[in-house]
Amino acid sequence: MLKSEWCYGRMNGKNQLLENLEKLHTTELGVGRIKKNLSLDTDDVVQWCQTKIKSAEADIKRNGKNWYVGIDNCVITINAYSYTIITAHRSRQENKRES
């Protein structure tokens, strides 16, 4: 694979995620895990994640079968095929500052 194809594929993946935000979902366990990890007080975790992903400041990267969205000192992990939000957690830099 040429470097230009690799770069295009990554950008295309970012656009693919943004174009399919309506497919984003998670499980009941995922909701609990995300709320706990981020100390969220919201009833709609999926909507919260969609808003973060749509932000101009969101850093969206695909690595293998998952997308990783970095925004506001947290990382949201999404399965690239099913659009399932797997987890979300504070970024490592944020965790180090709290220690």
PDB file of N, CA and C in Angstrom:
ATOM      1  N   MET A   1       0.850  -1.184   0.000  1.00  0.00           N
ATOM      2  CA  MET A   1       0.000   0.000   0.000  1.00  0.00           C
ATOM      3  C   MET A   1       0.894   1.245   0.000  1.00  0.00           C
ATOM      4  N   LEU A   2       0.580   2.176  -0.874  1.00  0.00           N
ATOM      5  CA  LEU A   2       1.325   3.426  -0.928  1.00  0.00           C
ATOM      6  C   LEU A   2       0.988   4.304   0.259  1.00  0.00           C
ATOM      7  N   LYS A   3       1.951   5.140   0.630  1.00  0.00           N
ATOM      8  CA  LYS A   3       1.726   6.040   1.762  1.00  0.00           C
ATOM      9  C   LYS A   3       0.500   6.920   1.524  1.00  0.00           C
ATOM     10  N   SER A   4       0.334   7.413   0.291  1.00  0.00           N
ATOM     11  CA  SER A   4      -0.814   8.280  -0.001  1.00  0.00           C
ATOM     12  C   SER A   4      -2.134   7.530   0.170  1.00  0.00           C
ATOM     13  N   GLU A   5      -2.160   6.240  -0.192  1.00  0.00           N
ATOM     14  CA  GLU A   5      -3.374   5.445   0.002  1.00  0.00           C
ATOM     15  C   GLU A   5      -3.660   5.253   1.484  1.00  0.00           C
ATOM     16  N   TRP A   6      -2.602   5.017   2.264  1.00  0.00           N
ATOM     17  CA  TRP A   6      -2.754   4.833   3.702  1.00  0.00           C
ATOM     18  C   TRP A   6      -3.322   6.097   4.337  1.00  0.00           C
ATOM     19  N   CYS A   7      -2.777   7.256   3.971  1.00  0.00           N
ATOM     20  CA  CYS A   7      -3.265   8.526   4.529  1.00  0.00           C
ATOM     21  C   CYS A   7      -4.708   8.773   4.107  1.00  0.00           C
ATOM     22  N   TYR A   8      -5.019   8.496   2.837  1.00  0.00           N
ATOM     23  CA  TYR A   8      -6.378   8.705   2.367  1.00  0.00           C
ATOM     24  C   TYR A   8      -7.345   7.800   3.128  1.00  0.00           C
ATOM     25  N   GLY A   9      -6.938   6.569   3.352  1.00  0.00           N
ATOM     26  CA  GLY A   9      -7.789   5.634   4.079  1.00  0.00           C
ATOM     27  C   GLY A   9      -8.100   6.116   5.476  1.00  0.00           C
ATOM     28  N   ARG A  10      -7.123   6.689   6.156  1.00  0.00           N
ATOM     29  CA  ARG A  10      -7.352   7.188   7.513  1.00  0.00           C
ATOM     30  C   ARG A  10      -8.331   8.347   7.497  1.00  0.00           C
ATOM     31  N   MET A  11      -8.144   9.274   6.563  1.00  0.00           N
ATOM     32  CA  MET A  11      -9.048  10.416   6.490  1.00  0.00           C
ATOM     33  C   MET A  11     -10.450   9.945   6.108  1.00  0.00           C
ATOM     34  N   ASN A  12     -10.520   8.997   5.184  1.00  0.00           N
ATOM     35  CA  ASN A  12     -11.807   8.469   4.776  1.00  0.00           C
ATOM     36  C   ASN A  12     -12.524   7.835   5.964  1.00  0.00           C
ATOM     37  N   GLY A  13     -11.787   7.137   6.841  1.00  0.00           N
ATOM     38  CA  GLY A  13     -12.372   6.543   8.031  1.00  0.00           C
ATOM     39  C   GLY A  13     -12.962   7.595   8.946  1.00  0.00           C
ATOM     40  N   LYS A  14     -12.250   8.710   9.097  1.00  0.00           N
ATOM     41  CA  LYS A  14     -12.752   9.806   9.936  1.00  0.00           C
ATOM     42  C   LYS A  14     -14.082  10.302   9.381  1.00  0.00           C
ATOM     43  N   ASN A  15     -14.115  10.531   8.067  1.00  0.00           N
ATOM     44  CA  ASN A  15     -15.356  10.984   7.447  1.00  0.00           C
ATOM     45  C   ASN A  15     -16.446   9.933   7.584  1.00  0.00           C
ATOM     46  N   GLN A  16     -16.067   8.666   7.480  1.00  0.00           N
ATOM     47  CA  GLN A  16     -17.042   7.587   7.602  1.00  0.00           C
ATOM     48  C   GLN A  16     -17.690   7.595   8.980  1.00  0.00           C
ATOM     49  N   LEU A  17     -16.908   7.808  10.013  1.00  0.00           N
ATOM     50  CA  LEU A  17     -17.465   7.877  11.364  1.00  0.00           C
ATOM     51  C   LEU A  17     -18.420   9.059  11.486  1.00  0.00           C
ATOM     52  N   LEU A  18     -17.998  10.215  11.029  1.00  0.00           N
ATOM     53  CA  LEU A  18     -18.841  11.411  11.137  1.00  0.00           C
ATOM     54  C   LEU A  18     -20.138  11.268  10.339  1.00  0.00           C
ATOM     55  N   GLU A  19     -20.074  10.589   9.202  1.00  0.00           N
ATOM     56  CA  GLU A  19     -21.262  10.414   8.367  1.00  0.00           C
ATOM     57  C   GLU A  19     -22.228   9.370   8.923  1.00  0.00           C
ATOM     58  N   ASN A  20     -21.779   8.573   9.882  1.00  0.00           N
ATOM     59  CA  ASN A  20     -22.617   7.503  10.426  1.00  0.00           C
ATOM     60  C   ASN A  20     -22.879   7.658  11.919  1.00  0.00           C
ATOM     61  N   LEU A  21     -22.857   8.870  12.419  1.00  0.00           N
ATOM     62  CA  LEU A  21     -23.069   9.096  13.852  1.00  0.00           C
ATOM     63  C   LEU A  21     -24.437   8.613  14.327  1.00  0.00           C
ATOM     64  N   GLU A  22     -25.419   8.588  13.424  1.00  0.00           N
ATOM     65  CA  GLU A  22     -26.750   8.129  13.831  1.00  0.00           C
ATOM     66  C   GLU A  22     -26.756   6.639  14.161  1.00  0.00           C
ATOM     67  N   LYS A  23     -25.741   5.895  13.712  1.00  0.00           N
ATOM     68  CA  LYS A  23     -25.633   4.460  14.005  1.00  0.00           C
ATOM     69  C   LYS A  23     -24.950   4.189  15.343  1.00  0.00           C
ATOM     70  N   LEU A  24     -24.411   5.227  15.946  1.00  0.00           N
ATOM     71  CA  LEU A  24     -23.682   5.073  17.202  1.00  0.00           C
ATOM     72  C   LEU A  24     -24.605   4.549  18.298  1.00  0.00           C
ATOM     73  N   HIS A  25     -24.136   3.559  19.034  1.00  0.00           N
ATOM     74  CA  HIS A  25     -24.916   2.987  20.137  1.00  0.00           C
ATOM     75  C   HIS A  25     -23.952   2.353  21.134  1.00  0.00           C
ATOM     76  N   THR A  26     -24.483   1.917  22.256  1.00  0.00           N
ATOM     77  CA  THR A  26     -23.693   1.185  23.236  1.00  0.00           C
ATOM     78  C   THR A  26     -24.607   0.219  23.978  1.00  0.00           C
ATOM     79  N   THR A  27     -24.026  -0.587  24.825  1.00  0.00           N
ATOM     80  CA  THR A  27     -24.796  -1.551  25.622  1.00  0.00           C
ATOM     81  C   THR A  27     -25.109  -0.945  26.988  1.00  0.00           C
ATOM     82  N   GLU A  28     -25.952  -1.614  27.751  1.00  0.00           N
ATOM     83  CA  GLU A  28     -26.234  -1.154  29.118  1.00  0.00           C
ATOM     84  C   GLU A  28     -24.956  -1.140  29.948  1.00  0.00           C
ATOM     85  N   LEU A  29     -24.149  -2.181  29.793  1.00  0.00           N
ATOM     86  CA  LEU A  29     -22.874  -2.215  30.518  1.00  0.00           C
ATOM     87  C   LEU A  29     -21.962  -1.079  30.071  1.00  0.00           C
ATOM     88  N   GLY A  30     -21.995  -0.770  28.764  1.00  0.00           N
ATOM     89  CA  GLY A  30     -21.197   0.330  28.238  1.00  0.00           C
ATOM     90  C   GLY A  30     -21.605   1.661  28.846  1.00  0.00           C
ATOM     91  N   VAL A  31     -22.910   1.885  28.978  1.00  0.00           N
ATOM     92  CA  VAL A  31     -23.407   3.125  29.591  1.00  0.00           C
ATOM     93  C   VAL A  31     -22.850   3.268  31.000  1.00  0.00           C
ATOM     94  N   GLY A  32     -22.963   2.210  31.784  1.00  0.00           N
ATOM     95  CA  GLY A  32     -22.464   2.254  33.159  1.00  0.00           C
ATOM     96  C   GLY A  32     -20.970   2.491  33.225  1.00  0.00           C
ATOM     97  N   ARG A  33     -20.223   1.818  32.355  1.00  0.00           N
ATOM     98  CA  ARG A  33     -18.765   1.947  32.335  1.00  0.00           C
ATOM     99  C   ARG A  33     -18.347   3.375  31.960  1.00  0.00           C
ATOM    100  N   ILE A  34     -18.986   3.933  30.939  1.00  0.00           N
ATOM    101  CA  ILE A  34     -18.647   5.282  30.481  1.00  0.00           C
ATOM    102  C   ILE A  34     -18.994   6.318  31.549  1.00  0.00           C
ATOM    103  N   LYS A  35     -20.186   6.200  32.135  1.00  0.00           N
ATOM    104  CA  LYS A  35     -20.587   7.146  33.187  1.00  0.00           C
ATOM    105  C   LYS A  35     -19.626   7.086  34.369  1.00  0.00           C
ATOM    106  N   LYS A  36     -19.220   5.881  34.745  1.00  0.00           N
ATOM    107  CA  LYS A  36     -18.294   5.719  35.871  1.00  0.00           C
ATOM    108  C   LYS A  36     -16.914   6.288  35.534  1.00  0.00           C
ATOM    109  N   ASN A  37     -16.384   5.914  34.363  1.00  0.00           N
ATOM    110  CA  ASN A  37     -15.036   6.340  33.982  1.00  0.00           C
ATOM    111  C   ASN A  37     -14.896   7.849  33.834  1.00  0.00           C
ATOM    112  N   LEU A  38     -15.950   8.503  33.352  1.00  0.00           N
ATOM    113  CA  LEU A  38     -15.887   9.945  33.108  1.00  0.00           C
ATOM    114  C   LEU A  38     -16.635  10.764  34.153  1.00  0.00           C
ATOM    115  N   SER A  39     -17.195  10.095  35.148  1.00  0.00           N
ATOM    116  CA  SER A  39     -17.992  10.767  36.182  1.00  0.00           C
ATOM    117  C   SER A  39     -19.094  11.616  35.554  1.00  0.00           C
ATOM    118  N   LEU A  40     -19.800  11.029  34.589  1.00  0.00           N
ATOM    119  CA  LEU A  40     -20.863  11.751  33.884  1.00  0.00           C
ATOM    120  C   LEU A  40     -22.170  11.677  34.655  1.00  0.00           C
ATOM    121  N   ASP A  41     -22.921  12.762  34.588  1.00  0.00           N
ATOM    122  CA  ASP A  41     -24.247  12.802  35.189  1.00  0.00           C
ATOM    123  C   ASP A  41     -25.252  13.112  34.079  1.00  0.00           C
ATOM    124  N   THR A  42     -25.323  12.204  33.105  1.00  0.00           N
ATOM    125  CA  THR A  42     -26.245  12.373  31.988  1.00  0.00           C
ATOM    126  C   THR A  42     -26.983  11.064  31.762  1.00  0.00           C
ATOM    127  N   ASP A  43     -28.208  11.167  31.299  1.00  0.00           N
ATOM    128  CA  ASP A  43     -28.984   9.964  31.021  1.00  0.00           C
ATOM    129  C   ASP A  43     -28.738   9.440  29.610  1.00  0.00           C
ATOM    130  N   ASP A  44     -28.242  10.294  28.706  1.00  0.00           N
ATOM    131  CA  ASP A  44     -28.027   9.889  27.316  1.00  0.00           C
ATOM    132  C   ASP A  44     -26.544   9.942  26.973  1.00  0.00           C
ATOM    133  N   VAL A  45     -25.853   8.857  27.281  1.00  0.00           N
ATOM    134  CA  VAL A  45     -24.409   8.770  27.044  1.00  0.00           C
ATOM    135  C   VAL A  45     -24.101   8.817  25.549  1.00  0.00           C
ATOM    136  N   VAL A  46     -24.933   8.185  24.732  1.00  0.00           N
ATOM    137  CA  VAL A  46     -24.699   8.168  23.286  1.00  0.00           C
ATOM    138  C   VAL A  46     -24.766   9.584  22.728  1.00  0.00           C
ATOM    139  N   GLN A  47     -25.769  10.357  23.120  1.00  0.00           N
ATOM    140  CA  GLN A  47     -25.887  11.743  22.665  1.00  0.00           C
ATOM    141  C   GLN A  47     -24.683  12.558  23.123  1.00  0.00           C
ATOM    142  N   TRP A  48     -24.229  12.346  24.350  1.00  0.00           N
ATOM    143  CA  TRP A  48     -23.057  13.048  24.879  1.00  0.00           C
ATOM    144  C   TRP A  48     -21.840  12.738  24.005  1.00  0.00           C
ATOM    145  N   CYS A  49     -21.657  11.463  23.656  1.00  0.00           N
ATOM    146  CA  CYS A  49     -20.523  11.059  22.820  1.00  0.00           C
ATOM    147  C   CYS A  49     -20.645  11.644  21.410  1.00  0.00           C
ATOM    148  N   GLN A  50     -21.844  11.633  20.835  1.00  0.00           N
ATOM    149  CA  GLN A  50     -22.045  12.201  19.502  1.00  0.00           C
ATOM    150  C   GLN A  50     -21.657  13.674  19.474  1.00  0.00           C
ATOM    151  N   THR A  51     -22.052  14.407  20.492  1.00  0.00           N
ATOM    152  CA  THR A  51     -21.717  15.829  20.574  1.00  0.00           C
ATOM    153  C   THR A  51     -20.209  16.025  20.626  1.00  0.00           C
ATOM    154  N   LYS A  52     -19.527  15.219  21.421  1.00  0.00           N
ATOM    155  CA  LYS A  52     -18.065  15.319  21.528  1.00  0.00           C
ATOM    156  C   LYS A  52     -17.394  14.983  20.202  1.00  0.00           C
ATOM    157  N   ILE A  53     -17.869  13.931  19.531  1.00  0.00           N
ATOM    158  CA  ILE A  53     -17.269  13.493  18.274  1.00  0.00           C
ATOM    159  C   ILE A  53     -17.446  14.546  17.183  1.00  0.00           C
ATOM    160  N   LYS A  54     -18.583  15.242  17.167  1.00  0.00           N
ATOM    161  CA  LYS A  54     -18.860  16.276  16.163  1.00  0.00           C
ATOM    162  C   LYS A  54     -18.047  17.545  16.375  1.00  0.00           C
ATOM    163  N   SER A  55     -17.459  17.700  17.541  1.00  0.00           N
ATOM    164  CA  SER A  55     -16.710  18.907  17.855  1.00  0.00           C
ATOM    165  C   SER A  55     -15.526  19.089  16.904  1.00  0.00           C
ATOM    166  N   ALA A  56     -15.267  20.321  16.527  1.00  0.00           N
ATOM    167  CA  ALA A  56     -14.127  20.622  15.652  1.00  0.00           C
ATOM    168  C   ALA A  56     -12.799  20.264  16.314  1.00  0.00           C
ATOM    169  N   GLU A  57     -12.772  20.231  17.635  1.00  0.00           N
ATOM    170  CA  GLU A  57     -11.541  19.919  18.364  1.00  0.00           C
ATOM    171  C   GLU A  57     -11.299  18.416  18.504  1.00  0.00           C
ATOM    172  N   ALA A  58     -12.247  17.587  18.091  1.00  0.00           N
ATOM    173  CA  ALA A  58     -12.110  16.132  18.239  1.00  0.00           C
ATOM    174  C   ALA A  58     -10.988  15.612  17.347  1.00  0.00           C
ATOM    175  N   ASP A  59     -10.126  14.792  17.927  1.00  0.00           N
ATOM    176  CA  ASP A  59      -9.028  14.150  17.203  1.00  0.00           C
ATOM    177  C   ASP A  59      -9.446  12.702  16.954  1.00  0.00           C
ATOM    178  N   ILE A  60      -9.850  12.413  15.722  1.00  0.00           N
ATOM    179  CA  ILE A  60     -10.388  11.096  15.374  1.00  0.00           C
ATOM    180  C   ILE A  60      -9.328  10.296  14.633  1.00  0.00           C
ATOM    181  N   LYS A  61      -9.023   9.109  15.171  1.00  0.00           N
ATOM    182  CA  LYS A  61      -8.035   8.236  14.537  1.00  0.00           C
ATOM    183  C   LYS A  61      -8.574   6.820  14.518  1.00  0.00           C
ATOM    184  N   ARG A  62      -8.238   6.111  13.457  1.00  0.00           N
ATOM    185  CA  ARG A  62      -8.621   4.701  13.384  1.00  0.00           C
ATOM    186  C   ARG A  62      -7.368   3.849  13.510  1.00  0.00           C
ATOM    187  N   ASN A  63      -7.452   2.847  14.366  1.00  0.00           N
ATOM    188  CA  ASN A  63      -6.362   1.899  14.536  1.00  0.00           C
ATOM    189  C   ASN A  63      -6.985   0.508  14.532  1.00  0.00           C
ATOM    190  N   GLY A  64      -6.821  -0.215  13.429  1.00  0.00           N
ATOM    191  CA  GLY A  64      -7.406  -1.546  13.317  1.00  0.00           C
ATOM    192  C   GLY A  64      -8.916  -1.500  13.305  1.00  0.00           C
ATOM    193  N   LYS A  65      -9.530  -2.232  14.219  1.00  0.00           N
ATOM    194  CA  LYS A  65     -10.994  -2.345  14.222  1.00  0.00           C
ATOM    195  C   LYS A  65     -11.686  -1.249  15.018  1.00  0.00           C
ATOM    196  N   ASN A  66     -10.938  -0.338  15.609  1.00  0.00           N
ATOM    197  CA  ASN A  66     -11.541   0.701  16.457  1.00  0.00           C
ATOM    198  C   ASN A  66     -11.170   2.104  16.016  1.00  0.00           C
ATOM    199  N   TRP A  67     -12.088   3.035  16.307  1.00  0.00           N
ATOM    200  CA  TRP A  67     -11.794   4.450  16.222  1.00  0.00           C
ATOM    201  C   TRP A  67     -11.517   4.932  17.631  1.00  0.00           C
ATOM    202  N   TYR A  68     -10.621   5.889  17.742  1.00  0.00           N
ATOM    203  CA  TYR A  68     -10.308   6.516  19.023  1.00  0.00           C
ATOM    204  C   TYR A  68     -10.524   8.009  18.839  1.00  0.00           C
ATOM    205  N   VAL A  69     -11.386   8.575  19.660  1.00  0.00           N
ATOM    206  CA  VAL A  69     -11.704   9.996  19.565  1.00  0.00           C
ATOM    207  C   VAL A  69     -11.197  10.677  20.825  1.00  0.00           C
ATOM    208  N   GLY A  70     -10.210  11.544  20.661  1.00  0.00           N
ATOM    209  CA  GLY A  70      -9.666  12.305  21.774  1.00  0.00           C
ATOM    210  C   GLY A  70     -10.291  13.686  21.807  1.00  0.00           C
ATOM    211  N   ILE A  71     -10.866  14.041  22.938  1.00  0.00           N
ATOM    212  CA  ILE A  71     -11.523  15.342  23.086  1.00  0.00           C
ATOM    213  C   ILE A  71     -11.658  15.670  24.565  1.00  0.00           C
ATOM    214  N   ASP A  72     -11.365  16.901  24.935  1.00  0.00           N
ATOM    215  CA  ASP A  72     -11.554  17.378  26.313  1.00  0.00           C
ATOM    216  C   ASP A  72     -10.968  16.433  27.362  1.00  0.00           C
ATOM    217  N   ASN A  73      -9.724  16.018  27.154  1.00  0.00           N
ATOM    218  CA  ASN A  73      -9.006  15.147  28.100  1.00  0.00           C
ATOM    219  C   ASN A  73      -9.662  13.792  28.306  1.00  0.00           C
ATOM    220  N   CYS A  74     -10.376  13.309  27.298  1.00  0.00           N
ATOM    221  CA  CYS A  74     -10.901  11.947  27.376  1.00  0.00           C
ATOM    222  C   CYS A  74     -10.739  11.272  26.019  1.00  0.00           C
ATOM    223  N   VAL A  75     -10.822   9.945  26.025  1.00  0.00           N
ATOM    224  CA  VAL A  75     -10.724   9.148  24.804  1.00  0.00           C
ATOM    225  C   VAL A  75     -11.958   8.253  24.727  1.00  0.00           C
ATOM    226  N   ILE A  76     -12.662   8.332  23.604  1.00  0.00           N
ATOM    227  CA  ILE A  76     -13.838   7.503  23.353  1.00  0.00           C
ATOM    228  C   ILE A  76     -13.420   6.425  22.356  1.00  0.00           C
ATOM    229  N   THR A  77     -13.686   5.159  22.680  1.00  0.00           N
ATOM    230  CA  THR A  77     -13.328   4.039  21.811  1.00  0.00           C
ATOM    231  C   THR A  77     -14.589   3.476  21.171  1.00  0.00           C
ATOM    232  N   ILE A  78     -14.575   3.382  19.826  1.00  0.00           N
ATOM    233  CA  ILE A  78     -15.749   2.956  19.066  1.00  0.00           C
ATOM    234  C   ILE A  78     -15.353   1.843  18.106  1.00  0.00           C
ATOM    235  N   ASN A  79     -16.134   0.764  18.073  1.00  0.00           N
ATOM    236  CA  ASN A  79     -15.889  -0.300  17.110  1.00  0.00           C
ATOM    237  C   ASN A  79     -16.210   0.226  15.714  1.00  0.00           C
ATOM    238  N   ALA A  80     -15.270   0.075  14.782  1.00  0.00           N
ATOM    239  CA  ALA A  80     -15.401   0.654  13.451  1.00  0.00           C
ATOM    240  C   ALA A  80     -16.442  -0.042  12.580  1.00  0.00           C
ATOM    241  N   TYR A  81     -16.801  -1.267  12.898  1.00  0.00           N
ATOM    242  CA  TYR A  81     -17.736  -2.015  12.062  1.00  0.00           C
ATOM    243  C   TYR A  81     -19.169  -1.929  12.569  1.00  0.00           C
ATOM    244  N   SER A  82     -19.343  -1.973  13.878  1.00  0.00           N
ATOM    245  CA  SER A  82     -20.695  -1.991  14.449  1.00  0.00           C
ATOM    246  C   SER A  82     -21.136  -0.630  14.980  1.00  0.00           C
ATOM    247  N   TYR A  83     -20.209   0.337  15.065  1.00  0.00           N
ATOM    248  CA  TYR A  83     -20.478   1.666  15.633  1.00  0.00           C
ATOM    249  C   TYR A  83     -20.889   1.591  17.102  1.00  0.00           C
ATOM    250  N   THR A  84     -20.405   0.571  17.795  1.00  0.00           N
ATOM    251  CA  THR A  84     -20.668   0.425  19.223  1.00  0.00           C
ATOM    252  C   THR A  84     -19.626   1.203  20.010  1.00  0.00           C
ATOM    253  N   ILE A  85     -20.085   2.066  20.912  1.00  0.00           N
ATOM    254  CA  ILE A  85     -19.160   2.753  21.814  1.00  0.00           C
ATOM    255  C   ILE A  85     -18.739   1.723  22.847  1.00  0.00           C
ATOM    256  N   ILE A  86     -17.477   1.362  22.824  1.00  0.00           N
ATOM    257  CA  ILE A  86     -16.973   0.316  23.707  1.00  0.00           C
ATOM    258  C   ILE A  86     -16.708   0.872  25.098  1.00  0.00           C
ATOM    259  N   THR A  87     -15.997   1.983  25.138  1.00  0.00           N
ATOM    260  CA  THR A  87     -15.669   2.602  26.423  1.00  0.00           C
ATOM    261  C   THR A  87     -15.259   4.046  26.195  1.00  0.00           C
ATOM    262  N   ALA A  88     -15.120   4.760  27.260  1.00  0.00           N
ATOM    263  CA  ALA A  88     -14.561   6.110  27.246  1.00  0.00           C
ATOM    264  C   ALA A  88     -13.872   6.293  28.583  1.00  0.00           C
ATOM    265  N   HIS A  89     -12.753   6.966  28.553  1.00  0.00           N
ATOM    266  CA  HIS A  89     -11.998   7.163  29.795  1.00  0.00           C
ATOM    267  C   HIS A  89     -11.205   8.453  29.720  1.00  0.00           C
ATOM    268  N   ARG A  90     -10.747   8.898  30.852  1.00  0.00           N
ATOM    269  CA  ARG A  90      -9.881  10.077  30.896  1.00  0.00           C
ATOM    270  C   ARG A  90      -8.591   9.758  30.159  1.00  0.00           C
ATOM    271  N   SER A  91      -8.032  10.748  29.496  1.00  0.00           N
ATOM    272  CA  SER A  91      -6.772  10.510  28.790  1.00  0.00           C
ATOM    273  C   SER A  91      -5.667  10.268  29.799  1.00  0.00           C
ATOM    274  N   ARG A  92      -4.621   9.613  29.375  1.00  0.00           N
ATOM    275  CA  ARG A  92      -3.512   9.276  30.275  1.00  0.00           C
ATOM    276  C   ARG A  92      -2.866  10.521  30.857  1.00  0.00           C
ATOM    277  N   GLN A  93      -2.761  11.587  30.075  1.00  0.00           N
ATOM    278  CA  GLN A  93      -2.170  12.829  30.583  1.00  0.00           C
ATOM    279  C   GLN A  93      -2.987  13.372  31.742  1.00  0.00           C
ATOM    280  N   GLU A  94      -4.305  13.327  31.620  1.00  0.00           N
ATOM    281  CA  GLU A  94      -5.185  13.814  32.688  1.00  0.00           C
ATOM    282  C   GLU A  94      -5.033  12.953  33.933  1.00  0.00           C
ATOM    283  N   ASN A  95      -4.946  11.622  33.745  1.00  0.00           N
ATOM    284  CA  ASN A  95      -4.780  10.719  34.883  1.00  0.00           C
ATOM    285  C   ASN A  95      -3.475  10.988  35.620  1.00  0.00           C
ATOM    286  N   LYS A  96      -2.404  11.279  34.905  1.00  0.00           N
ATOM    287  CA  LYS A  96      -1.108  11.538  35.535  1.00  0.00           C
ATOM    288  C   LYS A  96      -1.146  12.811  36.374  1.00  0.00           C
ATOM    289  N   ARG A  97      -1.887  13.819  35.910  1.00  0.00           N
ATOM    290  CA  ARG A  97      -1.982  15.075  36.659  1.00  0.00           C
ATOM    291  C   ARG A  97      -2.734  14.895  37.963  1.00  0.00           C
ATOM    292  N   GLU A  98      -3.711  13.985  37.981  1.00  0.00           N
ATOM    293  CA  GLU A  98      -4.515  13.774  39.188  1.00  0.00           C
ATOM    294  C   GLU A  98      -3.760  12.963  40.232  1.00  0.00           C
ATOM    295  N   SER A  99      -2.742  12.197  39.814  1.00  0.00           N
ATOM    296  CA  SER A  99      -1.998  11.337  40.753  1.00  0.00           C
ATOM    297  C   SER A  99      -1.088  12.126  41.652  1.00  0.00           C
TER     298      SER A  99
END
